[in-house]
Amino acid sequence: AVIALATAACGDRGATLELGSEAR
């Protein structure tokens, strides 16, 4: 799952993030 990250007060500019999640 690819989640776009936007500019925030302390955040990364233009970064993307893959968060692993497992469901059962």
PDB file of all heavy atoms in Angstrom:
ATOM      1  N   ALA A   1       0.849  -1.191   0.000  1.00  0.00           N
ATOM      2  CA  ALA A   1       0.000   0.000   0.000  1.00  0.00           C
ATOM      3  C   ALA A   1       0.880   1.236   0.000  1.00  0.00           C
ATOM      4  O   ALA A   1       1.653   1.470   0.912  1.00  0.00           O
ATOM      5  CB  ALA A   1      -0.900   0.002   1.224  1.00  0.00           C
ATOM      6  N   VAL A   2       0.797   2.040  -1.056  1.00  0.00           N
ATOM      7  CA  VAL A   2       1.629   3.235  -1.176  1.00  0.00           C
ATOM      8  C   VAL A   2       0.824   4.439  -0.747  1.00  0.00           C
ATOM      9  O   VAL A   2      -0.266   4.680  -1.239  1.00  0.00           O
ATOM     10  CB  VAL A   2       2.128   3.425  -2.622  1.00  0.00           C
ATOM     11  CG1 VAL A   2       2.933   4.706  -2.739  1.00  0.00           C
ATOM     12  CG2 VAL A   2       2.970   2.242  -3.041  1.00  0.00           C
ATOM     13  N   ILE A   3       1.386   5.196   0.183  1.00  0.00           N
ATOM     14  CA  ILE A   3       0.704   6.344   0.748  1.00  0.00           C
ATOM     15  C   ILE A   3       1.521   7.584   0.467  1.00  0.00           C
ATOM     16  O   ILE A   3       2.697   7.658   0.822  1.00  0.00           O
ATOM     17  CB  ILE A   3       0.526   6.170   2.265  1.00  0.00           C
ATOM     18  CG1 ILE A   3      -0.265   4.877   2.526  1.00  0.00           C
ATOM     19  CG2 ILE A   3      -0.190   7.342   2.879  1.00  0.00           C
ATOM     20  CD1 ILE A   3      -0.219   4.455   3.955  1.00  0.00           C
ATOM     21  N   ALA A   4       0.939   8.578  -0.178  1.00  0.00           N
ATOM     22  CA  ALA A   4       1.675   9.811  -0.467  1.00  0.00           C
ATOM     23  C   ALA A   4       1.780  10.647   0.782  1.00  0.00           C
ATOM     24  O   ALA A   4       0.851  10.748   1.566  1.00  0.00           O
ATOM     25  CB  ALA A   4       0.951  10.601  -1.555  1.00  0.00           C
ATOM     26  N   LEU A   5       2.923  11.273   0.967  1.00  0.00           N
ATOM     27  CA  LEU A   5       3.145  12.163   2.097  1.00  0.00           C
ATOM     28  C   LEU A   5       3.208  13.585   1.589  1.00  0.00           C
ATOM     29  O   LEU A   5       3.894  13.879   0.621  1.00  0.00           O
ATOM     30  CB  LEU A   5       4.470  11.814   2.801  1.00  0.00           C
ATOM     31  CG  LEU A   5       4.536  10.412   3.411  1.00  0.00           C
ATOM     32  CD1 LEU A   5       5.909  10.207   4.028  1.00  0.00           C
ATOM     33  CD2 LEU A   5       3.472  10.251   4.451  1.00  0.00           C
ATOM     34  N   ALA A   6       2.511  14.487   2.267  1.00  0.00           N
ATOM     35  CA  ALA A   6       2.529  15.888   1.870  1.00  0.00           C
ATOM     36  C   ALA A   6       3.413  16.676   2.815  1.00  0.00           C
ATOM     37  O   ALA A   6       3.830  16.198   3.858  1.00  0.00           O
ATOM     38  CB  ALA A   6       1.111  16.465   1.899  1.00  0.00           C
ATOM     39  N   THR A   7       3.705  17.912   2.428  1.00  0.00           N
ATOM     40  CA  THR A   7       4.495  18.776   3.289  1.00  0.00           C
ATOM     41  C   THR A   7       3.728  19.053   4.564  1.00  0.00           C
ATOM     42  O   THR A   7       2.551  19.345   4.557  1.00  0.00           O
ATOM     43  CB  THR A   7       4.772  20.110   2.572  1.00  0.00           C
ATOM     44  OG1 THR A   7       5.442  19.812   1.354  1.00  0.00           O
ATOM     45  CG2 THR A   7       5.644  21.004   3.424  1.00  0.00           C
ATOM     46  N   ALA A   8       4.415  18.946   5.695  1.00  0.00           N
ATOM     47  CA  ALA A   8       3.819  19.252   6.992  1.00  0.00           C
ATOM     48  C   ALA A   8       4.825  20.040   7.787  1.00  0.00           C
ATOM     49  O   ALA A   8       5.940  20.293   7.337  1.00  0.00           O
ATOM     50  CB  ALA A   8       3.431  17.966   7.720  1.00  0.00           C
ATOM     51  N   ALA A   9       4.407  20.473   8.981  1.00  0.00           N
ATOM     52  CA  ALA A   9       5.271  21.343   9.769  1.00  0.00           C
ATOM     53  C   ALA A   9       6.639  20.720   9.995  1.00  0.00           C
ATOM     54  O   ALA A   9       7.649  21.405   9.986  1.00  0.00           O
ATOM     55  CB  ALA A   9       4.604  21.647  11.113  1.00  0.00           C
ATOM     56  N   CYS A  10       6.691  19.408  10.217  1.00  0.00           N
ATOM     57  CA  CYS A  10       7.970  18.748  10.478  1.00  0.00           C
ATOM     58  C   CYS A  10       8.185  17.597   9.503  1.00  0.00           C
ATOM     59  O   CYS A  10       9.046  16.763   9.721  1.00  0.00           O
ATOM     60  CB  CYS A  10       8.015  18.231  11.912  1.00  0.00           C
ATOM     61  SG  CYS A  10       7.705  19.478  13.162  1.00  0.00           S
ATOM     62  N   GLY A  11       7.396  17.490   8.462  1.00  0.00           N
ATOM     63  CA  GLY A  11       7.417  16.303   7.628  1.00  0.00           C
ATOM     64  C   GLY A  11       8.385  16.376   6.473  1.00  0.00           C
ATOM     65  O   GLY A  11       9.033  17.381   6.216  1.00  0.00           O
ATOM     66  N   ASP A  12       8.484  15.246   5.730  1.00  0.00           N
ATOM     67  CA  ASP A  12       9.325  15.168   4.562  1.00  0.00           C
ATOM     68  C   ASP A  12       8.580  15.717   3.356  1.00  0.00           C
ATOM     69  O   ASP A  12       7.400  15.443   3.157  1.00  0.00           O
ATOM     70  CB  ASP A  12       9.721  13.710   4.295  1.00  0.00           C
ATOM     71  CG  ASP A  12      10.523  13.117   5.444  1.00  0.00           C
ATOM     72  OD1 ASP A  12      11.202  13.903   6.129  1.00  0.00           O
ATOM     73  OD2 ASP A  12      10.455  11.896   5.634  1.00  0.00           O
ATOM     74  N   ARG A  13       9.285  16.430   2.501  1.00  0.00           N
ATOM     75  CA  ARG A  13       8.659  17.014   1.309  1.00  0.00           C
ATOM     76  C   ARG A  13       8.756  16.020   0.155  1.00  0.00           C
ATOM     77  O   ARG A  13       9.828  15.523  -0.189  1.00  0.00           O
ATOM     78  CB  ARG A  13       9.362  18.311   0.935  1.00  0.00           C
ATOM     79  CG  ARG A  13       8.744  19.008  -0.280  1.00  0.00           C
ATOM     80  CD  ARG A  13       9.505  20.273  -0.607  1.00  0.00           C
ATOM     81  NE  ARG A  13       9.392  21.246   0.466  1.00  0.00           N
ATOM     82  CZ  ARG A  13       8.409  22.127   0.557  1.00  0.00           C
ATOM     83  NH1 ARG A  13       7.447  22.145  -0.324  1.00  0.00           N
ATOM     84  NH2 ARG A  13       8.385  22.986   1.558  1.00  0.00           N
ATOM     85  N   GLY A  14       7.589  15.718  -0.435  1.00  0.00           N
ATOM     86  CA  GLY A  14       7.572  14.899  -1.629  1.00  0.00           C
ATOM     87  C   GLY A  14       7.941  13.448  -1.401  1.00  0.00           C
ATOM     88  O   GLY A  14       8.322  12.752  -2.337  1.00  0.00           O
ATOM     89  N   ALA A  15       7.871  12.949  -0.168  1.00  0.00           N
ATOM     90  CA  ALA A  15       8.258  11.574   0.097  1.00  0.00           C
ATOM     91  C   ALA A  15       7.084  10.630  -0.136  1.00  0.00           C
ATOM     92  O   ALA A  15       5.937  11.035  -0.196  1.00  0.00           O
ATOM     93  CB  ALA A  15       8.747  11.436   1.539  1.00  0.00           C
ATOM     94  N   THR A  16       7.389   9.358  -0.299  1.00  0.00           N
ATOM     95  CA  THR A  16       6.356   8.339  -0.341  1.00  0.00           C
ATOM     96  C   THR A  16       6.702   7.279   0.680  1.00  0.00           C
ATOM     97  O   THR A  16       7.841   7.143   1.104  1.00  0.00           O
ATOM     98  CB  THR A  16       6.234   7.689  -1.731  1.00  0.00           C
ATOM     99  OG1 THR A  16       7.502   7.112  -2.069  1.00  0.00           O
ATOM    100  CG2 THR A  16       5.825   8.706  -2.771  1.00  0.00           C
ATOM    101  N   LEU A  17       5.711   6.521   1.059  1.00  0.00           N
ATOM    102  CA  LEU A  17       5.888   5.586   2.160  1.00  0.00           C
ATOM    103  C   LEU A  17       5.125   4.316   1.874  1.00  0.00           C
ATOM    104  O   LEU A  17       4.012   4.340   1.357  1.00  0.00           O
ATOM    105  CB  LEU A  17       5.366   6.216   3.453  1.00  0.00           C
ATOM    106  CG  LEU A  17       5.278   5.332   4.690  1.00  0.00           C
ATOM    107  CD1 LEU A  17       6.670   4.921   5.140  1.00  0.00           C
ATOM    108  CD2 LEU A  17       4.541   6.049   5.790  1.00  0.00           C
ATOM    109  N   GLU A  18       5.730   3.177   2.180  1.00  0.00           N
ATOM    110  CA  GLU A  18       5.041   1.898   2.126  1.00  0.00           C
ATOM    111  C   GLU A  18       4.893   1.380   3.550  1.00  0.00           C
ATOM    112  O   GLU A  18       5.879   1.112   4.226  1.00  0.00           O
ATOM    113  CB  GLU A  18       5.811   0.894   1.274  1.00  0.00           C
ATOM    114  CG  GLU A  18       5.819   1.231  -0.209  1.00  0.00           C
ATOM    115  CD  GLU A  18       6.449   0.137  -1.048  1.00  0.00           C
ATOM    116  OE1 GLU A  18       6.840  -0.885  -0.449  1.00  0.00           O
ATOM    117  OE2 GLU A  18       6.538   0.304  -2.264  1.00  0.00           O
ATOM    118  N   LEU A  19       3.659   1.286   3.993  1.00  0.00           N
ATOM    119  CA  LEU A  19       3.382   0.765   5.328  1.00  0.00           C
ATOM    120  C   LEU A  19       2.868  -0.655   5.190  1.00  0.00           C
ATOM    121  O   LEU A  19       1.870  -0.900   4.514  1.00  0.00           O
ATOM    122  CB  LEU A  19       2.338   1.623   6.038  1.00  0.00           C
ATOM    123  CG  LEU A  19       2.801   2.937   6.658  1.00  0.00           C
ATOM    124  CD1 LEU A  19       1.638   3.571   7.394  1.00  0.00           C
ATOM    125  CD2 LEU A  19       3.962   2.720   7.603  1.00  0.00           C
ATOM    126  N   GLY A  20       3.538  -1.601   5.844  1.00  0.00           N
ATOM    127  CA  GLY A  20       3.077  -2.971   5.795  1.00  0.00           C
ATOM    128  C   GLY A  20       1.961  -3.212   6.790  1.00  0.00           C
ATOM    129  O   GLY A  20       2.063  -2.829   7.950  1.00  0.00           O
ATOM    130  N   SER A  21       0.882  -3.818   6.331  1.00  0.00           N
ATOM    131  CA  SER A  21      -0.226  -4.190   7.206  1.00  0.00           C
ATOM    132  C   SER A  21      -0.618  -5.623   6.906  1.00  0.00           C
ATOM    133  O   SER A  21      -0.572  -6.062   5.756  1.00  0.00           O
ATOM    134  CB  SER A  21      -1.438  -3.275   7.002  1.00  0.00           C
ATOM    135  OG  SER A  21      -1.151  -1.953   7.372  1.00  0.00           O
ATOM    136  N   GLU A  22      -0.998  -6.337   7.929  1.00  0.00           N
ATOM    137  CA  GLU A  22      -1.417  -7.723   7.776  1.00  0.00           C
ATOM    138  C   GLU A  22      -2.783  -7.887   8.412  1.00  0.00           C
ATOM    139  O   GLU A  22      -3.001  -7.473   9.555  1.00  0.00           O
ATOM    140  CB  GLU A  22      -0.403  -8.657   8.443  1.00  0.00           C
ATOM    141  CG  GLU A  22      -0.730 -10.132   8.277  1.00  0.00           C
ATOM    142  CD  GLU A  22       0.303 -11.024   8.940  1.00  0.00           C
ATOM    143  OE1 GLU A  22       1.372 -11.254   8.335  1.00  0.00           O
ATOM    144  OE2 GLU A  22       0.043 -11.455  10.081  1.00  0.00           O
ATOM    145  N   ALA A  23      -3.714  -8.464   7.664  1.00  0.00           N
ATOM    146  CA  ALA A  23      -5.067  -8.667   8.168  1.00  0.00           C
ATOM    147  C   ALA A  23      -5.414 -10.141   8.118  1.00  0.00           C
ATOM    148  O   ALA A  23      -5.025 -10.858   7.186  1.00  0.00           O
ATOM    149  CB  ALA A  23      -6.073  -7.863   7.352  1.00  0.00           C
ATOM    150  N   ARG A  24      -6.146 -10.598   9.124  1.00  0.00           N
ATOM    151  CA  ARG A  24      -6.624 -11.971   9.123  1.00  0.00           C
ATOM    152  C   ARG A  24      -7.962 -12.018   9.838  1.00  0.00           C
ATOM    153  O   ARG A  24      -8.323 -11.099  10.580  1.00  0.00           O
ATOM    154  CB  ARG A  24      -5.620 -12.898   9.795  1.00  0.00           C
ATOM    155  CG  ARG A  24      -5.371 -12.635  11.266  1.00  0.00           C
ATOM    156  CD  ARG A  24      -4.283 -13.568  11.790  1.00  0.00           C
ATOM    157  NE  ARG A  24      -4.054 -13.445  13.225  1.00  0.00           N
ATOM    158  CZ  ARG A  24      -3.260 -12.544  13.782  1.00  0.00           C
ATOM    159  NH1 ARG A  24      -2.605 -11.680  13.018  1.00  0.00           N
ATOM    160  NH2 ARG A  24      -3.107 -12.509  15.090  1.00  0.00           N
TER     161      ARG A  24
END
